[in-house]
C-alpha cells in the first residue's frame, strides 16, 4: 500500500443526478479525473446525498420520474444546509421558458444534452471559482469582525460592543440614504473602528480614573495606529474600515482628532460610526462608569449635535430609535 493511499482526497466533490445510467457514465468519464463524484438516479437520493455529503456543486437532470430536477432544486434552496450549493441543470430541454423556470428554481446555469466535455468542464470550473470567491469573502469578514472583537477584549469589553455599534451604523447608514450595499459594507467595516487600541498600553486602556494629559495623548494615537494596521488595500471594504478607524473621533466643529477635520470634510461613514459608537459607549457599563439610561444618551446626542456630531445624522438616528433598541436588546451584555 503506497503512502498516497493515506492522503485525503482534496478534490472538489460533485453530485451527479440523472435517472439514465448512460448519462451518468458519460459525466463520470468527463469528470472523474479532476473531481470526487457522487451519483444519484432519483430526486430523493439526490436530496439525501446533498444534505449528508455537502458537495461543492450539483449537476442535475431536469426530466426525472418522481421528483423532477426542478422539484429537487427548489427543495435544496429551501434548506439552509444546502441552499448555497450551486446547481447546474443538464437537460435536453432547450426552450427559453424552461430555462427561465430553472433559474427561478435557483439554478446557476444550464448545460444542454448531448453534453460537450469542454463545456461541462468549463462551466463547472467557473462556478466552483465563484464558490471559492464567496468563501474567501465570508472568511475575510469573519477575520475583520474577530480582529475588532480582539481590540474590545483588550479594552476590557466583551466584544458585543462591536456587534451593537456595527448594526447601529448600518441602521443609520440606511436612514442616511447610503443604500443596502454600502450600509452592509459599513456593517462589516465598523468592527475595525478601534483596532488601533491594540497599540495602546493596558494600563491606559483599563485605567478606572480619568486619563492625565500624557495618557490622553497616547490614547488618541489609536486612530492613526488603526489606520496603519489596516493599511492601504484595493478592497473597498478595507478602505472603508481604514477611513472609519482613522476618522471616527473627528468632531463636527473641528475639535476632534487626529486631523481636526470639521463638518462634511469628515467622511460620512466616520460621522455615522461616531454616533453609533458614542451611543453604545454611553448606554453600556465601562470600567470607569455605569450605563446611562437611553433617554439620557439620546439627550446627550441632541445636545452635541452641531458640536461633536453631524446634526442631520443625530436627527436620523433618533428617528430610528425603535430599530436601535431592538439591536441593543438582541446583543445585550446578558445575551
Protein backbone atom coordinates (compact mmCIF):
# COMPACT_ATOMS: atom_id res chain seq x y z
CA UNK A 1 0.00 0.00 0.00
CA UNK A 2 1.53 3.33 -1.06
CA UNK A 3 1.88 6.41 1.09
CA UNK A 4 -0.57 8.24 -1.20
CA UNK A 5 -3.30 5.82 -0.16
CA UNK A 6 -3.46 7.55 3.20
CA UNK A 7 -3.74 11.06 1.76
CA UNK A 8 -7.16 12.70 1.91
CA UNK A 9 -8.95 13.22 -1.39
CA UNK A 10 -9.00 17.02 -1.53
CA UNK A 11 -10.63 17.25 -4.94
CA UNK A 12 -13.92 19.17 -5.08
CA UNK A 13 -16.96 16.93 -4.66
CA UNK A 14 -19.66 16.94 -7.33
CA UNK A 15 -23.08 15.30 -7.10
CA UNK A 16 -24.32 13.99 -10.46
CA UNK A 17 -28.08 13.32 -10.69
CA UNK A 18 -29.74 11.60 -13.66
CA UNK A 19 -32.20 8.71 -13.94
CA UNK A 20 -30.39 7.38 -17.04
CA UNK A 21 -27.24 5.33 -16.18
CA UNK A 22 -25.76 6.10 -19.62
CA UNK A 23 -25.79 9.84 -18.90
CA UNK A 24 -24.09 9.29 -15.53
CA UNK A 25 -21.40 7.16 -17.22
CA UNK A 26 -20.73 9.92 -19.76
CA UNK A 27 -20.38 12.56 -17.00
CA UNK A 28 -18.20 10.20 -14.97
CA UNK A 29 -15.80 9.75 -17.90
CA UNK A 30 -15.54 13.52 -18.32
CA UNK A 31 -15.10 14.43 -14.64
CA UNK A 32 -13.64 11.54 -12.63
CA UNK A 33 -10.01 12.60 -13.06
CA UNK A 34 -10.48 16.06 -11.50
CA UNK A 35 -13.35 15.59 -9.06
CA UNK A 36 -14.67 13.29 -6.37
CA UNK A 37 -18.02 12.13 -7.71
CA UNK A 38 -21.29 11.15 -6.05
CA UNK A 39 -24.16 9.66 -8.04
CA UNK A 40 -27.94 9.64 -7.65
CA UNK A 41 -30.58 8.25 -10.03
CA UNK A 42 -33.60 9.88 -8.39
CA UNK A 43 -34.53 13.08 -6.57
CA UNK A 44 -34.89 11.56 -3.09
CA UNK A 45 -31.38 10.04 -3.19
CA UNK A 46 -30.04 13.36 -4.51
CA UNK A 47 -31.51 15.27 -1.57
CA UNK A 48 -30.13 12.74 0.93
CA UNK A 49 -26.61 12.88 -0.57
CA UNK A 50 -26.64 16.68 -0.85
CA UNK A 51 -27.52 17.04 2.83
CA UNK A 52 -25.14 14.37 4.07
CA UNK A 53 -22.12 14.93 1.81
CA UNK A 54 -22.31 18.69 1.16
CA UNK A 55 -20.94 18.62 -2.40
CA UNK A 56 -19.40 21.79 -3.82
CA UNK A 57 -21.67 21.64 -6.90
CA UNK A 58 -24.59 19.60 -8.27
CA UNK A 59 -25.23 18.59 -11.90
CA UNK A 60 -28.94 17.88 -12.06
CA UNK A 61 -31.13 16.35 -14.77
CA UNK A 62 -34.48 18.11 -15.17
CA UNK A 63 -36.72 15.35 -16.56
CA UNK A 64 -36.84 12.55 -13.97
CA UNK A 65 -39.70 10.34 -12.75
CA UNK A 66 -40.97 11.17 -9.28
CA UNK A 67 -39.25 14.33 -8.09
CA UNK A 68 -38.17 16.32 -11.13
CA UNK A 69 -34.95 18.28 -11.21
CA UNK A 70 -36.96 21.47 -10.63
CA UNK A 71 -38.53 19.91 -7.53
CA UNK A 72 -35.12 18.85 -6.22
CA UNK A 73 -33.60 22.27 -6.85
CA UNK A 74 -36.42 24.06 -5.04
CA UNK A 75 -36.05 21.77 -2.02
CA UNK A 76 -32.26 22.25 -1.97
CA UNK A 77 -32.70 26.02 -1.97
CA UNK A 78 -35.33 25.85 0.77
CA UNK A 79 -32.97 24.11 3.23
CA UNK A 80 -30.32 26.33 4.90
CA UNK A 81 -27.82 23.42 4.90
CA UNK A 82 -27.96 23.04 1.09
CA UNK A 83 -29.19 26.42 -0.16
CA UNK A 84 -25.70 27.70 -1.05
CA UNK A 85 -24.71 24.68 -3.20
CA UNK A 86 -24.72 25.77 -6.87
CA UNK A 87 -26.97 23.70 -9.13
CA UNK A 88 -26.37 23.34 -12.87
CA UNK A 89 -29.18 21.75 -14.86
CA UNK A 90 -28.11 19.22 -17.50
CA UNK A 91 -31.06 18.81 -19.82
CA UNK A 92 -32.32 18.18 -23.33
CA UNK A 93 -34.87 20.95 -22.79
CA UNK A 94 -33.82 23.99 -24.79
CA UNK A 95 -36.91 26.21 -24.61
CA UNK A 96 -36.37 29.69 -23.12
CA UNK A 97 -39.36 29.20 -20.80
CA UNK A 98 -37.82 26.00 -19.44
CA UNK A 99 -34.57 27.85 -18.72
CA UNK A 100 -36.43 30.69 -17.03
CA UNK A 101 -38.25 28.18 -14.81
CA UNK A 102 -34.94 26.56 -13.90
CA UNK A 103 -33.30 29.86 -12.95
CA UNK A 104 -36.39 30.77 -10.93
CA UNK A 105 -36.00 27.48 -9.04
CA UNK A 106 -32.46 28.52 -8.06
CA UNK A 107 -30.16 27.04 -10.72
CA UNK A 108 -27.00 28.95 -11.65
CA UNK A 109 -26.55 27.57 -15.17
CA UNK A 110 -27.79 25.22 -17.90
CA UNK A 111 -25.84 22.65 -19.94
CA UNK A 112 -27.61 21.15 -22.93
CA UNK A 113 -27.65 17.44 -23.83
CA UNK A 114 -25.85 15.88 -25.55
CA UNK A 115 -23.10 17.34 -23.42
CA UNK A 116 -19.79 18.69 -24.71
CA UNK A 117 -16.89 17.65 -22.42
CA UNK A 118 -15.16 21.03 -22.86
CA UNK A 119 -18.32 22.95 -21.95
CA UNK A 120 -19.05 20.75 -18.93
CA UNK A 121 -15.51 21.23 -17.57
CA UNK A 122 -15.50 24.98 -18.22
CA UNK A 123 -18.90 25.64 -16.62
CA UNK A 124 -18.01 23.61 -13.52
CA UNK A 125 -14.65 25.36 -13.17
CA UNK A 126 -16.32 28.77 -13.44
CA UNK A 127 -18.96 28.10 -10.81
CA UNK A 128 -16.52 26.46 -8.38
CA UNK A 129 -14.34 29.59 -8.71
CA UNK A 130 -17.34 31.72 -7.74
CA UNK A 131 -17.93 29.49 -4.71
CA UNK A 132 -14.31 29.99 -3.64
CA UNK A 133 -14.65 33.76 -4.03
CA UNK A 134 -17.74 33.72 -1.80
CA UNK A 135 -15.93 31.57 0.77
CA UNK A 136 -12.93 33.92 0.79
CA UNK A 137 -15.20 36.94 1.21
CA UNK A 138 -17.04 35.30 4.11
CA UNK A 139 -13.75 34.30 5.73
CA UNK A 140 -12.36 37.83 5.38
CA UNK A 141 -15.45 39.28 7.07
CA UNK A 142 -15.09 36.80 9.93
CA UNK A 143 -11.43 37.79 10.38
CA UNK A 144 -12.32 41.50 10.38
CA UNK A 145 -15.03 41.00 12.98
CA UNK A 146 -12.76 38.93 15.20
CA UNK A 147 -9.94 41.47 15.00
CA UNK A 148 -12.42 44.13 16.05
CA UNK A 149 -13.51 41.99 18.97
CA UNK A 150 -9.87 41.37 19.92
CA UNK A 151 -9.39 45.12 20.33
CA UNK A 152 -12.50 45.30 22.51
CA UNK A 153 -11.33 42.47 24.77
CA UNK A 154 -8.08 44.38 25.27
CA UNK A 155 -10.22 47.34 26.31
CA UNK A 156 -11.91 45.15 28.96
CA UNK A 157 -15.03 44.74 26.83
CA UNK A 158 -16.98 41.58 25.94
CA UNK A 159 -16.85 42.07 22.17
CA UNK A 160 -20.60 42.71 22.00
CA UNK A 161 -19.89 46.44 21.64
CA UNK A 162 -18.59 45.92 18.10
CA UNK A 163 -21.71 43.96 17.15
CA UNK A 164 -24.12 46.55 18.51
CA UNK A 165 -22.38 49.64 17.17
CA UNK A 166 -21.89 47.98 13.76
CA UNK A 167 -25.62 47.29 13.49
CA UNK A 168 -26.44 50.79 14.74
CA UNK A 169 -24.15 52.08 11.98
CA UNK A 170 -25.98 50.04 9.34
CA UNK A 171 -29.38 51.33 10.50
CA UNK A 172 -28.15 54.93 10.38
CA UNK A 173 -26.45 54.43 7.01
CA UNK A 174 -29.73 53.20 5.51
CA UNK A 175 -31.59 56.14 7.03
CA UNK A 176 -28.98 58.47 5.52
CA UNK A 177 -29.63 57.03 2.06
CA UNK A 178 -26.41 55.09 1.53
CA UNK A 179 -28.29 52.08 0.12
CA UNK A 180 -28.17 48.41 1.06
CA UNK A 181 -24.75 47.62 -0.45
CA UNK A 182 -22.85 50.45 1.26
CA UNK A 183 -24.79 50.00 4.52
CA UNK A 184 -23.81 46.32 4.57
CA UNK A 185 -20.20 47.24 3.81
CA UNK A 186 -20.23 49.65 6.75
CA UNK A 187 -21.72 46.92 8.95
CA UNK A 188 -18.67 44.83 8.13
CA UNK A 189 -16.10 47.66 8.30
CA UNK A 190 -17.26 49.22 11.57
CA UNK A 191 -15.91 46.43 13.83
CA UNK A 192 -12.40 47.67 12.96
CA UNK A 193 -13.04 51.18 14.31
CA UNK A 194 -10.92 50.71 17.44
CA UNK A 195 -8.37 48.17 16.14
CA UNK A 196 -5.64 50.71 16.96
CA UNK A 197 -6.23 50.12 20.67
CA UNK A 198 -4.05 47.05 20.22
CA UNK A 199 -1.16 49.55 20.20
CA UNK A 200 -2.22 51.33 23.44
CA UNK A 201 -0.80 50.10 26.80
CA UNK A 202 -3.24 48.17 29.00
CA UNK A 203 -2.56 50.49 31.95
CA UNK A 204 -4.08 53.36 29.97
CA UNK A 205 -6.93 51.41 28.36
CA UNK A 206 -8.10 49.89 31.63
CA UNK A 207 -7.49 52.84 33.96
CA UNK A 208 -10.57 53.37 36.13
CA UNK A 209 -10.00 57.09 36.73
CA UNK A 210 -9.59 59.96 34.28
CA UNK A 211 -6.57 59.94 31.99
CA UNK A 212 -3.97 62.65 32.55
CA UNK A 213 -2.74 64.77 29.63
CA UNK A 214 0.15 62.47 28.80
CA UNK A 215 -2.03 59.35 28.91
CA UNK A 216 -4.70 61.01 26.81
CA UNK A 217 -2.09 61.89 24.17
CA UNK A 218 -1.16 58.20 23.98
CA UNK A 219 -4.83 57.11 23.84
CA UNK A 220 -5.53 59.48 20.94
CA UNK A 221 -2.89 57.71 18.88
CA UNK A 222 -5.17 54.68 18.46
CA UNK A 223 -6.90 56.31 15.47
CA UNK A 224 -3.70 56.63 13.45
CA UNK A 225 -2.41 53.28 14.71
CA UNK A 226 -5.64 51.69 13.49
CA UNK A 227 -5.23 53.25 10.05
CA UNK A 228 -1.67 51.91 9.85
CA UNK A 229 -2.74 48.41 10.93
CA UNK A 230 -5.42 48.24 8.22
CA UNK A 231 -3.06 49.83 5.70
CA UNK A 232 -3.60 50.57 2.01
CA UNK A 233 -5.58 47.87 0.25
CA UNK A 234 -7.52 47.76 -3.00
CA UNK A 235 -10.51 46.23 -1.21
CA UNK A 236 -13.32 48.77 -0.81
CA UNK A 237 -14.22 47.12 2.50
CA UNK A 238 -10.75 47.62 3.95
CA UNK A 239 -10.57 51.15 2.55
CA UNK A 240 -13.80 51.95 4.39
CA UNK A 241 -12.50 50.24 7.55
CA UNK A 242 -9.37 52.40 7.43
CA UNK A 243 -11.43 55.58 7.00
CA UNK A 244 -13.62 54.64 9.96
CA UNK A 245 -10.65 53.73 12.17
CA UNK A 246 -8.82 56.96 11.37
CA UNK A 247 -11.70 59.45 11.42
CA UNK A 248 -14.40 58.27 13.86
CA UNK A 249 -13.06 60.61 16.59
CA UNK A 250 -13.22 63.70 14.40
CA UNK A 251 -15.89 66.19 15.52
CA UNK A 252 -18.33 68.26 13.51
CA UNK A 253 -16.95 71.52 14.99
CA UNK A 254 -13.34 70.60 14.16
CA UNK A 255 -12.21 69.89 17.73
CA UNK A 256 -11.69 66.14 17.24
CA UNK A 257 -8.63 64.08 16.35
CA UNK A 258 -6.33 63.07 14.71
CA UNK A 259 -6.66 65.66 11.91
CA UNK A 260 -9.06 68.28 13.28
CA UNK A 261 -11.48 67.80 10.36
CA UNK A 262 -14.78 69.68 10.51
CA UNK A 263 -18.28 69.34 9.05
CA UNK A 264 -18.60 67.47 5.78
CA UNK A 265 -14.82 67.23 5.46
CA UNK A 266 -15.23 64.30 7.85
CA UNK A 267 -16.11 61.20 5.75
CA UNK A 268 -19.81 60.33 6.06
CA UNK A 269 -19.13 56.76 7.21
CA UNK A 270 -16.94 58.11 10.05
CA UNK A 271 -19.66 60.58 11.09
CA UNK A 272 -22.15 57.69 11.20
CA UNK A 273 -19.86 55.45 13.26
CA UNK A 274 -19.11 58.33 15.68
CA UNK A 275 -22.79 58.47 16.68
CA UNK A 276 -23.21 54.69 16.84
CA UNK A 277 -20.00 54.28 18.87
CA UNK A 278 -20.76 57.00 21.42
CA UNK A 279 -24.39 55.92 21.87
CA UNK A 280 -23.31 52.37 22.64
CA UNK A 281 -20.49 53.52 24.93
CA UNK A 282 -22.88 55.74 26.90
CA UNK A 283 -25.53 53.02 27.30
CA UNK A 284 -23.02 50.31 28.28
CA UNK A 285 -21.19 49.63 31.54
CA UNK A 286 -17.49 50.57 31.34
CA UNK A 287 -14.73 50.20 33.96
CA UNK A 288 -14.99 53.92 34.71
CA UNK A 289 -18.80 54.43 34.59
CA UNK A 290 -22.28 52.92 34.86
CA UNK A 291 -24.55 52.56 31.85
CA UNK A 292 -26.60 55.66 31.03
CA UNK A 293 -30.38 55.35 30.54
CA UNK A 294 -31.31 55.52 26.86
CA UNK A 295 -33.20 58.81 27.21
CA UNK A 296 -30.15 60.47 28.76
CA UNK A 297 -27.91 59.16 25.99
CA UNK A 298 -30.32 60.49 23.34
CA UNK A 299 -30.43 63.85 25.13
CA UNK A 300 -26.61 63.93 25.03
CA UNK A 301 -26.55 63.21 21.29
CA UNK A 302 -29.03 66.04 20.68
CA UNK A 303 -27.04 68.42 22.91
CA UNK A 304 -23.86 67.59 20.97
CA UNK A 305 -25.47 67.93 17.53
CA UNK A 306 -23.51 70.58 15.67
CA UNK A 307 -20.61 70.25 18.11
CA UNK A 308 -19.43 66.64 18.24
CA UNK A 309 -21.91 65.16 15.79
CA UNK A 310 -23.42 65.85 12.37
CA UNK A 311 -26.79 67.38 13.38
CA UNK A 312 -28.69 65.85 10.45
CA UNK A 313 -27.42 62.38 11.35
CA UNK A 314 -28.39 62.85 15.01
CA UNK A 315 -31.97 63.61 13.89
CA UNK A 316 -31.99 60.49 11.71
CA UNK A 317 -30.55 58.32 14.50
CA UNK A 318 -33.20 59.46 16.96
CA UNK A 319 -35.89 58.69 14.38
CA UNK A 320 -34.55 55.11 14.14
CA UNK A 321 -34.69 54.53 17.91
CA UNK A 322 -37.08 51.53 17.78
CA UNK A 323 -34.65 49.65 15.49
CA UNK A 324 -31.71 50.76 17.64
CA UNK A 325 -33.34 49.48 20.83
CA UNK A 326 -34.14 46.15 19.17
CA UNK A 327 -30.42 45.75 18.37
CA UNK A 328 -29.50 46.81 21.92
CA UNK A 329 -31.79 44.14 23.33
CA UNK A 330 -30.65 41.44 20.92
CA UNK A 331 -26.95 41.86 21.73
CA UNK A 332 -27.22 42.96 25.34
CA UNK A 333 -24.42 42.10 27.76
CA UNK A 334 -26.56 39.34 29.27
CA UNK A 335 -27.26 37.86 25.82
